[in-house]
Structure formats: structure tokens, C-alpha cells
PDB file of N, CA and C in Angstrom:
ATOM      1  N   MET A   1     109.177 105.764  85.873  1.00  0.00           N
ATOM      2  CA  MET A   1     109.129 104.319  85.792  1.00  0.00           C
ATOM      3  C   MET A   1     107.836 103.821  86.443  1.00  0.00           C
ATOM      4  N   ILE A   2     107.227 102.846  85.841  1.00  0.00           N
ATOM      5  CA  ILE A   2     105.978 102.292  86.345  1.00  0.00           C
ATOM      6  C   ILE A   2     106.288 101.173  87.322  1.00  0.00           C
ATOM      7  N   GLU A   3     105.715 101.259  88.503  1.00  0.00           N
ATOM      8  CA  GLU A   3     105.874 100.215  89.517  1.00  0.00           C
ATOM      9  C   GLU A   3     104.919  99.075  89.183  1.00  0.00           C
ATOM     10  N   ILE A   4     105.438  97.874  89.194  1.00  0.00           N
ATOM     11  CA  ILE A   4     104.631  96.703  88.867  1.00  0.00           C
ATOM     12  C   ILE A   4     104.338  95.950  90.160  1.00  0.00           C
ATOM     13  N   GLU A   5     103.076  96.024  90.599  1.00  0.00           N
ATOM     14  CA  GLU A   5     102.657  95.352  91.825  1.00  0.00           C
ATOM     15  C   GLU A   5     101.799  94.147  91.465  1.00  0.00           C
ATOM     16  N   LEU A   6     102.041  93.046  92.134  1.00  0.00           N
ATOM     17  CA  LEU A   6     101.349  91.807  91.824  1.00  0.00           C
ATOM     18  C   LEU A   6      99.834  91.930  91.955  1.00  0.00           C
ATOM     19  N   THR A   7      99.359  92.561  93.011  1.00  0.00           N
ATOM     20  CA  THR A   7      97.906  92.657  93.192  1.00  0.00           C
ATOM     21  C   THR A   7      97.259  93.465  92.076  1.00  0.00           C
ATOM     22  N   ARG A   8      97.925  94.493  91.602  1.00  0.00           N
ATOM     23  CA  ARG A   8      97.376  95.294  90.503  1.00  0.00           C
ATOM     24  C   ARG A   8      97.358  94.500  89.209  1.00  0.00           C
ATOM     25  N   ILE A   9      98.405  93.704  88.979  1.00  0.00           N
ATOM     26  CA  ILE A   9      98.451  92.868  87.776  1.00  0.00           C
ATOM     27  C   ILE A   9      97.342  91.830  87.818  1.00  0.00           C
ATOM     28  N   LEU A  10      97.199  91.160  88.955  1.00  0.00           N
ATOM     29  CA  LEU A  10      96.167  90.131  89.067  1.00  0.00           C
ATOM     30  C   LEU A  10      94.774  90.717  88.915  1.00  0.00           C
ATOM     31  N   ASN A  11      94.552  91.886  89.486  1.00  0.00           N
ATOM     32  CA  ASN A  11      93.273  92.566  89.322  1.00  0.00           C
ATOM     33  C   ASN A  11      93.029  92.896  87.853  1.00  0.00           C
ATOM     34  N   ALA A  12      94.046  93.415  87.189  1.00  0.00           N
ATOM     35  CA  ALA A  12      93.910  93.776  85.779  1.00  0.00           C
ATOM     36  C   ALA A  12      93.621  92.548  84.919  1.00  0.00           C
ATOM     37  N   LEU A  13      94.279  91.451  85.205  1.00  0.00           N
ATOM     38  CA  LEU A  13      94.106  90.242  84.393  1.00  0.00           C
ATOM     39  C   LEU A  13      92.861  89.453  84.776  1.00  0.00           C
ATOM     40  N   GLY A  14      92.202  89.834  85.860  1.00  0.00           N
ATOM     41  CA  GLY A  14      91.017  89.130  86.319  1.00  0.00           C
ATOM     42  C   GLY A  14      89.766  89.431  85.513  1.00  0.00           C
ATOM     43  N   ASP A  15      89.823  90.416  84.652  1.00  0.00           N
ATOM     44  CA  ASP A  15      88.682  90.765  83.821  1.00  0.00           C
ATOM     45  C   ASP A  15      88.828  90.076  82.460  1.00  0.00           C
ATOM     46  N   PRO A  16      87.782  89.415  81.966  1.00  0.00           N
ATOM     47  CA  PRO A  16      87.900  88.682  80.702  1.00  0.00           C
ATOM     48  C   PRO A  16      88.253  89.555  79.494  1.00  0.00           C
ATOM     49  N   VAL A  17      87.765  90.784  79.454  1.00  0.00           N
ATOM     50  CA  VAL A  17      88.104  91.664  78.331  1.00  0.00           C
ATOM     51  C   VAL A  17      89.582  92.024  78.386  1.00  0.00           C
ATOM     52  N   ARG A  18      90.072  92.396  79.559  1.00  0.00           N
ATOM     53  CA  ARG A  18      91.491  92.754  79.681  1.00  0.00           C
ATOM     54  C   ARG A  18      92.383  91.549  79.414  1.00  0.00           C
ATOM     55  N   LEU A  19      91.967  90.387  79.866  1.00  0.00           N
ATOM     56  CA  LEU A  19      92.740  89.176  79.593  1.00  0.00           C
ATOM     57  C   LEU A  19      92.777  88.915  78.089  1.00  0.00           C
ATOM     58  N   GLY A  20      91.667  89.148  77.413  1.00  0.00           N
ATOM     59  CA  GLY A  20      91.634  88.997  75.960  1.00  0.00           C
ATOM     60  C   GLY A  20      92.583  89.952  75.267  1.00  0.00           C
ATOM     61  N   ILE A  21      92.657  91.171  75.750  1.00  0.00           N
ATOM     62  CA  ILE A  21      93.580  92.155  75.194  1.00  0.00           C
ATOM     63  C   ILE A  21      95.020  91.663  75.367  1.00  0.00           C
ATOM     64  N   VAL A  22      95.351  91.216  76.566  1.00  0.00           N
ATOM     65  CA  VAL A  22      96.711  90.756  76.854  1.00  0.00           C
ATOM     66  C   VAL A  22      97.049  89.536  75.999  1.00  0.00           C
ATOM     67  N   ARG A  23      96.110  88.619  75.833  1.00  0.00           N
ATOM     68  CA  ARG A  23      96.355  87.437  74.988  1.00  0.00           C
ATOM     69  C   ARG A  23      96.704  87.858  73.563  1.00  0.00           C
ATOM     70  N   GLU A  24      96.007  88.854  73.049  1.00  0.00           N
ATOM     71  CA  GLU A  24      96.293  89.313  71.691  1.00  0.00           C
ATOM     72  C   GLU A  24      97.622  90.054  71.611  1.00  0.00           C
ATOM     73  N   LEU A  25      97.963  90.800  72.649  1.00  0.00           N
ATOM     74  CA  LEU A  25      99.231  91.527  72.646  1.00  0.00           C
ATOM     75  C   LEU A  25     100.430  90.597  72.862  1.00  0.00           C
ATOM     76  N   ALA A  26     100.176  89.378  73.296  1.00  0.00           N
ATOM     77  CA  ALA A  26     101.260  88.436  73.573  1.00  0.00           C
ATOM     78  C   ALA A  26     102.011  88.024  72.311  1.00  0.00           C
ATOM     79  N   ASP A  27     101.478  88.364  71.131  1.00  0.00           N
ATOM     80  CA  ASP A  27     102.194  88.035  69.898  1.00  0.00           C
ATOM     81  C   ASP A  27     103.423  88.921  69.701  1.00  0.00           C
ATOM     82  N   GLY A  28     103.569  89.935  70.568  1.00  0.00           N
ATOM     83  CA  GLY A  28     104.753  90.786  70.524  1.00  0.00           C
ATOM     84  C   GLY A  28     104.646  91.975  69.587  1.00  0.00           C
ATOM     85  N   GLU A  29     103.593  92.036  68.818  1.00  0.00           N
ATOM     86  CA  GLU A  29     103.404  93.138  67.873  1.00  0.00           C
ATOM     87  C   GLU A  29     102.581  94.250  68.514  1.00  0.00           C
ATOM     88  N   PRO A  30     102.873  95.507  68.158  1.00  0.00           N
ATOM     89  CA  PRO A  30     102.032  96.611  68.640  1.00  0.00           C
ATOM     90  C   PRO A  30     100.660  96.539  67.970  1.00  0.00           C
ATOM     91  N   HIS A  31      99.620  96.799  68.728  1.00  0.00           N
ATOM     92  CA  HIS A  31      98.250  96.791  68.201  1.00  0.00           C
ATOM     93  C   HIS A  31      97.587  98.121  68.521  1.00  0.00           C
ATOM     94  N   ALA A  32      96.923  98.686  67.518  1.00  0.00           N
ATOM     95  CA  ALA A  32      96.169  99.921  67.727  1.00  0.00           C
ATOM     96  C   ALA A  32      94.928  99.621  68.557  1.00  0.00           C
ATOM     97  N   CYS A  33      94.480 100.597  69.300  1.00  0.00           N
ATOM     98  CA  CYS A  33      93.285 100.428  70.138  1.00  0.00           C
ATOM     99  C   CYS A  33      92.088  99.957  69.320  1.00  0.00           C
ATOM    100  N   GLY A  34      91.950 100.469  68.104  1.00  0.00           N
ATOM    101  CA  GLY A  34      90.829 100.095  67.257  1.00  0.00           C
ATOM    102  C   GLY A  34      90.823  98.641  66.838  1.00  0.00           C
ATOM    103  N   ALA A  35      91.945  97.969  66.980  1.00  0.00           N
ATOM    104  CA  ALA A  35      92.035  96.559  66.593  1.00  0.00           C
ATOM    105  C   ALA A  35      91.283  95.647  67.547  1.00  0.00           C
ATOM    106  N   PHE A  36      90.761  96.196  68.627  1.00  0.00           N
ATOM    107  CA  PHE A  36      90.091  95.390  69.635  1.00  0.00           C
ATOM    108  C   PHE A  36      88.575  95.590  69.628  1.00  0.00           C
ATOM    109  N   SER A  37      88.050  96.198  68.585  1.00  0.00           N
ATOM    110  CA  SER A  37      86.607  96.460  68.520  1.00  0.00           C
ATOM    111  C   SER A  37      85.800  95.165  68.499  1.00  0.00           C
ATOM    112  N   HIS A  38      86.404  94.071  68.083  1.00  0.00           N
ATOM    113  CA  HIS A  38      85.706  92.779  68.032  1.00  0.00           C
ATOM    114  C   HIS A  38      85.397  92.217  69.427  1.00  0.00           C
ATOM    115  N   LEU A  39      85.934  92.829  70.469  1.00  0.00           N
ATOM    116  CA  LEU A  39      85.687  92.337  71.820  1.00  0.00           C
ATOM    117  C   LEU A  39      84.277  92.670  72.316  1.00  0.00           C
ATOM    118  N   GLY A  40      83.557  93.468  71.555  1.00  0.00           N
ATOM    119  CA  GLY A  40      82.149  93.710  71.862  1.00  0.00           C
ATOM    120  C   GLY A  40      81.869  94.704  72.967  1.00  0.00           C
ATOM    121  N   VAL A  41      82.807  95.615  73.220  1.00  0.00           N
ATOM    122  CA  VAL A  41      82.565  96.669  74.208  1.00  0.00           C
ATOM    123  C   VAL A  41      82.743  98.019  73.526  1.00  0.00           C
ATOM    124  N   SER A  42      82.170  99.041  74.122  1.00  0.00           N
ATOM    125  CA  SER A  42      82.246 100.381  73.530  1.00  0.00           C
ATOM    126  C   SER A  42      83.685 100.909  73.551  1.00  0.00           C
ATOM    127  N   HIS A  43      83.909 101.946  72.763  1.00  0.00           N
ATOM    128  CA  HIS A  43      85.227 102.573  72.704  1.00  0.00           C
ATOM    129  C   HIS A  43      85.638 103.099  74.078  1.00  0.00           C
ATOM    130  N   SER A  44      84.704 103.722  74.783  1.00  0.00           N
ATOM    131  CA  SER A  44      85.042 104.274  76.101  1.00  0.00           C
ATOM    132  C   SER A  44      85.374 103.152  77.091  1.00  0.00           C
ATOM    133  N   THR A  45      84.682 102.032  76.988  1.00  0.00           N
ATOM    134  CA  THR A  45      84.982 100.899  77.871  1.00  0.00           C
ATOM    135  C   THR A  45      86.344 100.313  77.537  1.00  0.00           C
ATOM    136  N   LEU A  46      86.661 100.216  76.252  1.00  0.00           N
ATOM    137  CA  LEU A  46      87.996  99.743  75.857  1.00  0.00           C
ATOM    138  C   LEU A  46      89.066 100.673  76.410  1.00  0.00           C
ATOM    139  N   SER A  47      88.827 101.973  76.319  1.00  0.00           N
ATOM    140  CA  SER A  47      89.790 102.941  76.858  1.00  0.00           C
ATOM    141  C   SER A  47      90.021 102.708  78.344  1.00  0.00           C
ATOM    142  N   HIS A  48      88.943 102.437  79.066  1.00  0.00           N
ATOM    143  CA  HIS A  48      89.068 102.144  80.500  1.00  0.00           C
ATOM    144  C   HIS A  48      89.929 100.899  80.718  1.00  0.00           C
ATOM    145  N   HIS A  49      89.686  99.838  79.948  1.00  0.00           N
ATOM    146  CA  HIS A  49      90.450  98.604  80.105  1.00  0.00           C
ATOM    147  C   HIS A  49      91.932  98.824  79.805  1.00  0.00           C
ATOM    148  N   PHE A  50      92.233  99.603  78.769  1.00  0.00           N
ATOM    149  CA  PHE A  50      93.629  99.907  78.464  1.00  0.00           C
ATOM    150  C   PHE A  50      94.275 100.692  79.608  1.00  0.00           C
ATOM    151  N   LYS A  51      93.535 101.610  80.192  1.00  0.00           N
ATOM    152  CA  LYS A  51      94.071 102.402  81.314  1.00  0.00           C
ATOM    153  C   LYS A  51      94.389 101.501  82.504  1.00  0.00           C
ATOM    154  N   VAL A  52      93.492 100.578  82.823  1.00  0.00           N
ATOM    155  CA  VAL A  52      93.737  99.658  83.940  1.00  0.00           C
ATOM    156  C   VAL A  52      94.997  98.829  83.671  1.00  0.00           C
ATOM    157  N   LEU A  53      95.130  98.325  82.460  1.00  0.00           N
ATOM    158  CA  LEU A  53      96.318  97.524  82.113  1.00  0.00           C
ATOM    159  C   LEU A  53      97.590  98.368  82.157  1.00  0.00           C
ATOM    160  N   ARG A  54      97.517  99.614  81.677  1.00  0.00           N
ATOM    161  CA  ARG A  54      98.681 100.514  81.740  1.00  0.00           C
ATOM    162  C   ARG A  54      99.053 100.824  83.174  1.00  0.00           C
ATOM    163  N   ASP A  55      98.048 101.180  83.979  1.00  0.00           N
ATOM    164  CA  ASP A  55      98.297 101.537  85.377  1.00  0.00           C
ATOM    165  C   ASP A  55      98.886 100.373  86.167  1.00  0.00           C
ATOM    166  N   ALA A  56      98.534  99.152  85.779  1.00  0.00           N
ATOM    167  CA  ALA A  56      99.077  97.967  86.453  1.00  0.00           C
ATOM    168  C   ALA A  56     100.479  97.619  85.952  1.00  0.00           C
ATOM    169  N   GLY A  57     100.921  98.278  84.884  1.00  0.00           N
ATOM    170  CA  GLY A  57     102.245  98.017  84.346  1.00  0.00           C
ATOM    171  C   GLY A  57     102.299  96.841  83.386  1.00  0.00           C
ATOM    172  N   VAL A  58     101.140  96.379  82.926  1.00  0.00           N
ATOM    173  CA  VAL A  58     101.092  95.216  82.050  1.00  0.00           C
ATOM    174  C   VAL A  58     101.335  95.600  80.590  1.00  0.00           C
ATOM    175  N   ILE A  59     100.850  96.756  80.187  1.00  0.00           N
ATOM    176  CA  ILE A  59     101.045  97.206  78.809  1.00  0.00           C
ATOM    177  C   ILE A  59     101.619  98.616  78.811  1.00  0.00           C
ATOM    178  N   GLU A  60     102.119  99.005  77.649  1.00  0.00           N
ATOM    179  CA  GLU A  60     102.486 100.399  77.441  1.00  0.00           C
ATOM    180  C   GLU A  60     101.841 100.848  76.146  1.00  0.00           C
ATOM    181  N   THR A  61     101.532 102.128  76.091  1.00  0.00           N
ATOM    182  CA  THR A  61     100.875 102.711  74.932  1.00  0.00           C
ATOM    183  C   THR A  61     101.727 103.866  74.444  1.00  0.00           C
ATOM    184  N   ARG A  62     101.956 103.889  73.133  1.00  0.00           N
ATOM    185  CA  ARG A  62     102.709 105.006  72.561  1.00  0.00           C
ATOM    186  C   ARG A  62     101.927 105.592  71.404  1.00  0.00           C
ATOM    187  N   ALA A  63     102.057 106.886  71.256  1.00  0.00           N
ATOM    188  CA  ALA A  63     101.365 107.587  70.178  1.00  0.00           C
ATOM    189  C   ALA A  63     102.168 107.469  68.899  1.00  0.00           C
ATOM    190  N   GLU A  64     101.456 107.200  67.818  1.00  0.00           N
ATOM    191  CA  GLU A  64     102.047 107.210  66.483  1.00  0.00           C
ATOM    192  C   GLU A  64     101.049 107.921  65.581  1.00  0.00           C
ATOM    193  N   GLY A  65     101.261 109.210  65.398  1.00  0.00           N
ATOM    194  CA  GLY A  65     100.274 110.012  64.688  1.00  0.00           C
ATOM    195  C   GLY A  65      98.999 110.096  65.506  1.00  0.00           C
ATOM    196  N   HIS A  66      97.884 109.759  64.882  1.00  0.00           N
ATOM    197  CA  HIS A  66      96.601 109.780  65.588  1.00  0.00           C
ATOM    198  C   HIS A  66      96.297 108.452  66.258  1.00  0.00           C
ATOM    199  N   ARG A  67      97.126 107.452  66.022  1.00  0.00           N
ATOM    200  CA  ARG A  67      96.880 106.122  66.599  1.00  0.00           C
ATOM    201  C   ARG A  67      97.620 105.957  67.910  1.00  0.00           C
ATOM    202  N   ARG A  68      97.088 105.096  68.731  1.00  0.00           N
ATOM    203  CA  ARG A  68      97.745 104.700  69.979  1.00  0.00           C
ATOM    204  C   ARG A  68      98.071 103.220  69.849  1.00  0.00           C
ATOM    205  N   LEU A  69      99.359 102.903  69.908  1.00  0.00           N
ATOM    206  CA  LEU A  69      99.793 101.520  69.761  1.00  0.00           C
ATOM    207  C   LEU A  69     100.124 100.934  71.125  1.00  0.00           C
ATOM    208  N   ASN A  70      99.610  99.754  71.368  1.00  0.00           N
ATOM    209  CA  ASN A  70      99.764  99.079  72.656  1.00  0.00           C
ATOM    210  C   ASN A  70     100.671  97.872  72.502  1.00  0.00           C
ATOM    211  N   THR A  71     101.537  97.688  73.478  1.00  0.00           N
ATOM    212  CA  THR A  71     102.394  96.505  73.515  1.00  0.00           C
ATOM    213  C   THR A  71     102.403  95.948  74.930  1.00  0.00           C
ATOM    214  N   LEU A  72     102.609  94.654  75.008  1.00  0.00           N
ATOM    215  CA  LEU A  72     102.706  93.975  76.289  1.00  0.00           C
ATOM    216  C   LEU A  72     104.094  94.243  76.871  1.00  0.00           C
ATOM    217  N   ARG A  73     104.170  94.583  78.134  1.00  0.00           N
ATOM    218  CA  ARG A  73     105.455  94.836  78.800  1.00  0.00           C
ATOM    219  C   ARG A  73     106.002  93.498  79.330  1.00  0.00           C
ATOM    220  N   ARG A  74     106.151  92.568  78.413  1.00  0.00           N
ATOM    221  CA  ARG A  74     106.501  91.189  78.745  1.00  0.00           C
ATOM    222  C   ARG A  74     107.814  91.098  79.531  1.00  0.00           C
ATOM    223  N   GLU A  75     108.850  91.731  79.033  1.00  0.00           N
ATOM    224  CA  GLU A  75     110.161  91.641  79.705  1.00  0.00           C
ATOM    225  C   GLU A  75     110.107  92.176  81.130  1.00  0.00           C
ATOM    226  N   GLN A  76     109.461  93.310  81.322  1.00  0.00           N
ATOM    227  CA  GLN A  76     109.408  93.920  82.639  1.00  0.00           C
ATOM    228  C   GLN A  76     108.593  93.069  83.622  1.00  0.00           C
ATOM    229  N   VAL A  77     107.446  92.568  83.161  1.00  0.00           N
ATOM    230  CA  VAL A  77     106.620  91.740  84.045  1.00  0.00           C
ATOM    231  C   VAL A  77     107.335  90.428  84.350  1.00  0.00           C
ATOM    232  N   ASP A  78     107.942  89.806  83.319  1.00  0.00           N
ATOM    233  CA  ASP A  78     108.664  88.546  83.531  1.00  0.00           C
ATOM    234  C   ASP A  78     109.855  88.720  84.470  1.00  0.00           C
ATOM    235  N   ALA A  79     110.513  89.866  84.381  1.00  0.00           N
ATOM    236  CA  ALA A  79     111.658  90.110  85.265  1.00  0.00           C
ATOM    237  C   ALA A  79     111.213  90.203  86.720  1.00  0.00           C
ATOM    238  N   ARG A  80     110.066  90.804  86.939  1.00  0.00           N
ATOM    239  CA  ARG A  80     109.562  90.992  88.303  1.00  0.00           C
ATOM    240  C   ARG A  80     108.858  89.746  88.835  1.00  0.00           C
ATOM    241  N   TYR A  81     108.075  89.092  87.966  1.00  0.00           N
ATOM    242  CA  TYR A  81     107.272  87.919  88.363  1.00  0.00           C
ATOM    243  C   TYR A  81     107.451  86.818  87.315  1.00  0.00           C
ATOM    244  N   PRO A  82     108.587  86.121  87.351  1.00  0.00           N
ATOM    245  CA  PRO A  82     108.866  85.089  86.341  1.00  0.00           C
ATOM    246  C   PRO A  82     107.753  84.038  86.298  1.00  0.00           C
ATOM    247  N   GLY A  83     107.317  83.730  85.095  1.00  0.00           N
ATOM    248  CA  GLY A  83     106.328  82.679  84.887  1.00  0.00           C
ATOM    249  C   GLY A  83     104.881  83.119  85.018  1.00  0.00           C
ATOM    250  N   LEU A  84     104.629  84.316  85.538  1.00  0.00           N
ATOM    251  CA  LEU A  84     103.254  84.766  85.744  1.00  0.00           C
ATOM    252  C   LEU A  84     102.493  84.863  84.419  1.00  0.00           C
ATOM    253  N   LEU A  85     103.052  85.595  83.470  1.00  0.00           N
ATOM    254  CA  LEU A  85     102.350  85.749  82.197  1.00  0.00           C
ATOM    255  C   LEU A  85     102.241  84.426  81.454  1.00  0.00           C
ATOM    256  N   ASP A  86     103.285  83.607  81.502  1.00  0.00           N
ATOM    257  CA  ASP A  86     103.204  82.294  80.856  1.00  0.00           C
ATOM    258  C   ASP A  86     102.048  81.492  81.433  1.00  0.00           C
ATOM    259  N   SER A  87     101.904  81.526  82.731  1.00  0.00           N
ATOM    260  CA  SER A  87     100.825  80.788  83.387  1.00  0.00           C
ATOM    261  C   SER A  87      99.462  81.314  82.968  1.00  0.00           C
ATOM    262  N   VAL A  88      99.318  82.610  82.960  1.00  0.00           N
ATOM    263  CA  VAL A  88      98.039  83.223  82.595  1.00  0.00           C
ATOM    264  C   VAL A  88      97.722  82.982  81.127  1.00  0.00           C
ATOM    265  N   LEU A  89      98.714  83.117  80.271  1.00  0.00           N
ATOM    266  CA  LEU A  89      98.473  83.024  78.837  1.00  0.00           C
ATOM    267  C   LEU A  89      98.276  81.594  78.351  1.00  0.00           C
ATOM    268  N   THR A  90      98.744  80.622  79.107  1.00  0.00           N
ATOM    269  CA  THR A  90      98.564  79.237  78.685  1.00  0.00           C
ATOM    270  C   THR A  90      97.312  78.610  79.283  1.00  0.00           C
ATOM    271  N   THR A  91      96.657  79.303  80.173  1.00  0.00           N
ATOM    272  CA  THR A  91      95.401  78.819  80.745  1.00  0.00           C
ATOM    273  C   THR A  91      94.311  78.990  79.683  1.00  0.00           C
ATOM    274  N   PRO A  92      93.527  77.952  79.417  1.00  0.00           N
ATOM    275  CA  PRO A  92      92.467  78.073  78.402  1.00  0.00           C
ATOM    276  C   PRO A  92      91.500  79.193  78.753  1.00  0.00           C
ATOM    277  N   ALA A  93      91.074  79.911  77.735  1.00  0.00           N
ATOM    278  CA  ALA A  93      90.099  80.984  77.928  1.00  0.00           C
ATOM    279  C   ALA A  93      88.773  80.392  78.341  1.00  0.00           C
ATOM    280  N   SER A  94      88.127  81.028  79.315  1.00  0.00           N
ATOM    281  CA  SER A  94      86.809  80.545  79.746  1.00  0.00           C
ATOM    282  C   SER A  94      85.768  80.972  78.720  1.00  0.00           C
ATOM    283  N   ARG A  95      84.706  80.241  78.645  1.00  0.00           N
ATOM    284  CA  ARG A  95      83.664  80.521  77.655  1.00  0.00           C
ATOM    285  C   ARG A  95      82.479  81.182  78.269  1.00  0.00           C
TER     286      ARG A  95
END
């Protein structure tokens, strides 16, 4: 089981690329890692961002063939820190 610590979540969400990933995953659908190439960072950098989000307990990644599908761990985070994701996701994205 992944421990969800507030400081790790806040650190993970403090990066604009990771916040962008979480905003896209908030639709509830699984997204392949390749679906985030429009964020303008290299594949290895995206992999790092996914690892930080996974380690913080914000997302989970599952293998489906050669693809890795990512989903937001909305229920688990909301159960531990009610309203946190709603607050973060409703804040306008900075430019």
C-alpha cells in the first residue's frame, strides 16, 4: 500500500508539468504516458514526473501490453485529504 503524505503530494503538485498531468488525469480516464508529449518535455523527463506523482501516491500506473496507463488516485487522496484535489484542480493554471 502506498502511504500518502501531504508534504509529498504538495511537492509533487508544485511543479507545473506534474500539475498539468494531474489536471488531465482528473477526467477519470486512464491515459498512456505518450498522451502527454504535448507538454513539451522529453520522454525521460516525463518519466521522472510520473515517478514523482506515483511515489507521492497521487497517481497509479498499470501495464497494458507495451503501454503504461496512468490514473489519478482520486478516491484515496480525497479520503486522506478531503478537498485538496478539488482546491488544486479548480485553481486557474498559471501562464
